[in-house]
Amino acid sequence: MYLYYQYENEEELEAGGCLVDGVVYANYADVPGATCRDLCFCNNGEVICSGRECAHPRGYPDCTPIPPEGEKCCPDRFECGESS
């Protein structure tokens, strides 16, 4: 869930919010990233992002992720070779 409100005046932005695509996000609020793997938030006027890592099955040397369906970001199904 993103916490946001419409940009109304300069004072809101000066209070540490971030302006992204015409929307001001409150300080420390989640901000949409460029992709679903970007985890971003507003930090005193600057948007800070880090990458989300998707889990892969352990003990299987040859696994190919099957693209997720719908709005999922990370795959939850894989085609894998023999276990090690």
N, C-alpha and C. Protein backbone atom coordinates (compact mmCIF):
# COMPACT_ATOMS: atom_id res chain seq x y z
N MET A 1 0.84 -1.17 0.00
CA MET A 1 0.00 0.00 0.00
C MET A 1 0.89 1.23 0.00
N TYR A 2 0.57 2.19 -0.84
CA TYR A 2 1.33 3.42 -0.92
C TYR A 2 0.59 4.52 -0.15
N LEU A 3 1.32 5.27 0.62
CA LEU A 3 0.74 6.41 1.32
C LEU A 3 1.05 7.65 0.50
N TYR A 4 0.02 8.30 0.00
CA TYR A 4 0.26 9.46 -0.83
C TYR A 4 -0.90 10.43 -0.74
N TYR A 5 -0.66 11.62 -1.17
CA TYR A 5 -1.71 12.62 -1.29
C TYR A 5 -1.34 13.55 -2.43
N GLN A 6 -2.30 14.23 -2.96
CA GLN A 6 -2.05 15.10 -4.11
C GLN A 6 -1.24 16.33 -3.68
N TYR A 7 -0.37 16.76 -4.56
CA TYR A 7 0.45 17.95 -4.35
C TYR A 7 -0.45 19.17 -4.30
N GLU A 8 -0.44 19.89 -3.21
CA GLU A 8 -1.29 21.07 -3.07
C GLU A 8 -0.51 22.37 -2.93
N ASN A 9 0.58 22.34 -2.20
CA ASN A 9 1.34 23.58 -2.06
C ASN A 9 2.81 23.30 -1.73
N GLU A 10 3.60 24.31 -1.87
CA GLU A 10 5.04 24.22 -1.66
C GLU A 10 5.39 23.84 -0.22
N GLU A 11 4.55 24.22 0.75
CA GLU A 11 4.85 23.93 2.16
C GLU A 11 4.88 22.43 2.43
N GLU A 12 4.00 21.68 1.78
CA GLU A 12 3.99 20.23 1.98
C GLU A 12 5.29 19.61 1.48
N LEU A 13 5.76 20.10 0.36
CA LEU A 13 7.00 19.58 -0.20
C LEU A 13 8.19 19.95 0.68
N GLU A 14 8.17 21.13 1.24
CA GLU A 14 9.27 21.58 2.10
C GLU A 14 9.30 20.84 3.43
N ALA A 15 8.24 20.14 3.79
CA ALA A 15 8.19 19.42 5.06
C ALA A 15 8.89 18.06 4.98
N GLY A 16 9.67 17.84 3.94
CA GLY A 16 10.42 16.59 3.82
C GLY A 16 9.80 15.60 2.88
N GLY A 17 8.71 15.99 2.22
CA GLY A 17 8.05 15.09 1.28
C GLY A 17 8.82 14.99 -0.02
N CYS A 18 8.38 14.07 -0.87
CA CYS A 18 9.00 13.85 -2.18
C CYS A 18 7.95 14.03 -3.26
N LEU A 19 8.29 14.78 -4.29
CA LEU A 19 7.41 14.99 -5.42
C LEU A 19 7.78 14.00 -6.51
N VAL A 20 6.86 13.10 -6.85
CA VAL A 20 7.09 12.09 -7.88
C VAL A 20 5.87 12.07 -8.81
N ASP A 21 6.09 12.41 -10.07
CA ASP A 21 5.01 12.41 -11.06
C ASP A 21 3.79 13.21 -10.61
N GLY A 22 4.03 14.38 -10.01
CA GLY A 22 2.94 15.26 -9.62
C GLY A 22 2.27 14.90 -8.31
N VAL A 23 2.77 13.90 -7.60
CA VAL A 23 2.21 13.47 -6.31
C VAL A 23 3.27 13.67 -5.24
N VAL A 24 2.87 14.25 -4.10
CA VAL A 24 3.79 14.41 -2.98
C VAL A 24 3.60 13.24 -2.03
N TYR A 25 4.69 12.56 -1.72
CA TYR A 25 4.68 11.46 -0.77
C TYR A 25 5.27 11.97 0.54
N ALA A 26 4.63 11.61 1.64
CA ALA A 26 5.09 12.04 2.96
C ALA A 26 6.47 11.46 3.25
N ASN A 27 7.21 12.13 4.13
CA ASN A 27 8.51 11.66 4.54
C ASN A 27 8.37 10.24 5.10
N TYR A 28 9.20 9.33 4.66
CA TYR A 28 9.25 7.91 5.03
C TYR A 28 8.10 7.09 4.47
N ALA A 29 7.31 7.64 3.56
CA ALA A 29 6.24 6.87 2.91
C ALA A 29 6.81 6.05 1.76
N ASP A 30 6.15 4.94 1.46
CA ASP A 30 6.53 4.13 0.29
C ASP A 30 6.25 4.93 -0.97
N VAL A 31 7.15 4.79 -1.94
CA VAL A 31 7.03 5.47 -3.23
C VAL A 31 7.13 4.39 -4.31
N PRO A 32 6.28 4.45 -5.34
CA PRO A 32 6.37 3.44 -6.39
C PRO A 32 7.73 3.48 -7.09
N GLY A 33 8.29 2.30 -7.34
CA GLY A 33 9.56 2.21 -8.05
C GLY A 33 9.33 2.02 -9.54
N ALA A 34 10.41 1.98 -10.29
CA ALA A 34 10.33 1.81 -11.74
C ALA A 34 9.85 0.41 -12.10
N THR A 35 10.21 -0.58 -11.28
CA THR A 35 9.75 -1.96 -11.50
C THR A 35 9.24 -2.51 -10.17
N CYS A 36 8.59 -3.66 -10.23
CA CYS A 36 8.06 -4.26 -8.99
C CYS A 36 9.17 -4.72 -8.06
N ARG A 37 10.39 -4.86 -8.57
CA ARG A 37 11.50 -5.27 -7.73
C ARG A 37 12.16 -4.11 -7.01
N ASP A 38 11.75 -2.89 -7.30
CA ASP A 38 12.29 -1.71 -6.61
C ASP A 38 11.47 -1.43 -5.36
N LEU A 39 12.12 -1.39 -4.22
CA LEU A 39 11.49 -1.01 -2.97
C LEU A 39 11.97 0.40 -2.66
N CYS A 40 11.06 1.37 -2.74
CA CYS A 40 11.45 2.77 -2.61
C CYS A 40 10.66 3.46 -1.51
N PHE A 41 11.28 4.48 -0.92
CA PHE A 41 10.59 5.31 0.06
C PHE A 41 11.14 6.72 0.00
N CYS A 42 10.38 7.64 0.55
CA CYS A 42 10.78 9.05 0.60
C CYS A 42 11.59 9.28 1.86
N ASN A 43 12.74 9.92 1.72
CA ASN A 43 13.60 10.21 2.86
C ASN A 43 14.05 11.66 2.77
N ASN A 44 13.34 12.53 3.49
CA ASN A 44 13.68 13.95 3.55
C ASN A 44 13.87 14.56 2.16
N GLY A 45 12.90 14.33 1.28
CA GLY A 45 12.93 14.94 -0.03
C GLY A 45 13.64 14.15 -1.10
N GLU A 46 14.22 13.02 -0.74
CA GLU A 46 14.94 12.18 -1.71
C GLU A 46 14.32 10.79 -1.74
N VAL A 47 14.08 10.27 -2.93
CA VAL A 47 13.56 8.92 -3.07
C VAL A 47 14.73 7.95 -3.05
N ILE A 48 14.67 6.99 -2.13
CA ILE A 48 15.73 6.00 -1.97
C ILE A 48 15.15 4.63 -2.32
N CYS A 49 15.85 3.90 -3.17
CA CYS A 49 15.38 2.59 -3.61
C CYS A 49 16.44 1.53 -3.38
N SER A 50 15.97 0.33 -3.14
CA SER A 50 16.85 -0.84 -3.10
C SER A 50 16.15 -1.94 -3.87
N GLY A 51 16.92 -2.90 -4.34
CA GLY A 51 16.35 -3.98 -5.13
C GLY A 51 15.88 -5.13 -4.28
N ARG A 52 14.73 -5.68 -4.64
CA ARG A 52 14.20 -6.86 -3.98
C ARG A 52 14.79 -8.08 -4.67
N GLU A 53 15.25 -9.05 -3.89
CA GLU A 53 15.76 -10.28 -4.47
C GLU A 53 14.69 -11.35 -4.37
N CYS A 54 14.52 -12.06 -5.46
CA CYS A 54 13.56 -13.15 -5.49
C CYS A 54 14.26 -14.44 -5.08
N ALA A 55 13.59 -15.25 -4.27
CA ALA A 55 14.16 -16.51 -3.80
C ALA A 55 14.20 -17.55 -4.92
N HIS A 56 15.23 -18.38 -4.89
CA HIS A 56 15.37 -19.48 -5.82
C HIS A 56 15.47 -20.77 -5.00
N PRO A 57 15.01 -21.89 -5.56
CA PRO A 57 15.08 -23.17 -4.83
C PRO A 57 16.52 -23.55 -4.50
N ARG A 58 16.74 -24.04 -3.30
CA ARG A 58 18.08 -24.47 -2.88
C ARG A 58 18.27 -25.95 -3.19
N GLY A 59 19.48 -26.32 -3.50
CA GLY A 59 19.80 -27.71 -3.75
C GLY A 59 19.53 -28.17 -5.17
N TYR A 60 19.14 -27.26 -6.02
CA TYR A 60 18.89 -27.58 -7.42
C TYR A 60 19.79 -26.71 -8.27
N PRO A 61 20.76 -27.31 -8.98
CA PRO A 61 21.74 -26.52 -9.72
C PRO A 61 21.18 -25.83 -10.96
N ASP A 62 20.21 -26.44 -11.58
CA ASP A 62 19.68 -25.92 -12.84
C ASP A 62 18.22 -25.54 -12.71
N CYS A 63 17.92 -24.34 -12.29
CA CYS A 63 16.53 -23.91 -12.16
C CYS A 63 16.28 -22.70 -13.04
N THR A 64 15.22 -22.79 -13.80
CA THR A 64 14.81 -21.68 -14.64
C THR A 64 13.47 -21.17 -14.11
N PRO A 65 13.39 -19.90 -13.72
CA PRO A 65 12.11 -19.39 -13.21
C PRO A 65 11.05 -19.36 -14.30
N ILE A 66 9.83 -19.70 -13.92
CA ILE A 66 8.68 -19.57 -14.80
C ILE A 66 8.08 -18.19 -14.50
N PRO A 67 7.94 -17.33 -15.50
CA PRO A 67 7.44 -15.97 -15.24
C PRO A 67 6.15 -15.98 -14.43
N PRO A 68 6.07 -15.10 -13.42
CA PRO A 68 4.87 -15.06 -12.58
C PRO A 68 3.65 -14.56 -13.35
N GLU A 69 2.49 -14.97 -12.88
CA GLU A 69 1.24 -14.55 -13.49
C GLU A 69 0.66 -13.37 -12.72
N GLY A 70 -0.15 -12.59 -13.42
CA GLY A 70 -0.85 -11.48 -12.77
C GLY A 70 0.09 -10.40 -12.28
N GLU A 71 -0.17 -9.94 -11.07
CA GLU A 71 0.60 -8.82 -10.52
C GLU A 71 1.76 -9.27 -9.63
N LYS A 72 2.04 -10.57 -9.60
CA LYS A 72 3.16 -11.05 -8.80
C LYS A 72 4.46 -10.52 -9.37
N CYS A 73 5.41 -10.26 -8.51
CA CYS A 73 6.70 -9.74 -8.94
C CYS A 73 7.71 -10.87 -9.11
N CYS A 74 7.81 -11.71 -8.12
CA CYS A 74 8.80 -12.78 -8.13
C CYS A 74 8.15 -14.10 -8.54
N PRO A 75 8.88 -14.92 -9.27
CA PRO A 75 8.33 -16.23 -9.65
C PRO A 75 8.19 -17.14 -8.42
N ASP A 76 7.17 -17.96 -8.43
CA ASP A 76 7.01 -18.94 -7.36
C ASP A 76 7.02 -20.36 -7.92
N ARG A 77 7.29 -20.48 -9.23
CA ARG A 77 7.41 -21.77 -9.87
C ARG A 77 8.68 -21.80 -10.71
N PHE A 78 9.32 -22.96 -10.73
CA PHE A 78 10.60 -23.11 -11.43
C PHE A 78 10.62 -24.45 -12.14
N GLU A 79 11.36 -24.52 -13.24
CA GLU A 79 11.68 -25.77 -13.89
C GLU A 79 13.12 -26.09 -13.49
N CYS A 80 13.29 -27.21 -12.80
CA CYS A 80 14.60 -27.52 -12.22
C CYS A 80 15.12 -28.88 -12.69
N GLY A 81 16.47 -28.97 -12.73
CA GLY A 81 17.13 -30.24 -13.03
C GLY A 81 17.16 -31.11 -11.80
N GLU A 82 18.02 -32.09 -11.80
CA GLU A 82 18.16 -33.02 -10.69
C GLU A 82 18.71 -32.30 -9.45
N SER A 83 18.29 -32.75 -8.26
CA SER A 83 18.81 -32.16 -7.03
C SER A 83 20.23 -32.62 -6.78
N SER A 84 20.99 -31.82 -6.03
CA SER A 84 22.37 -32.19 -5.74
C SER A 84 22.52 -32.74 -4.34
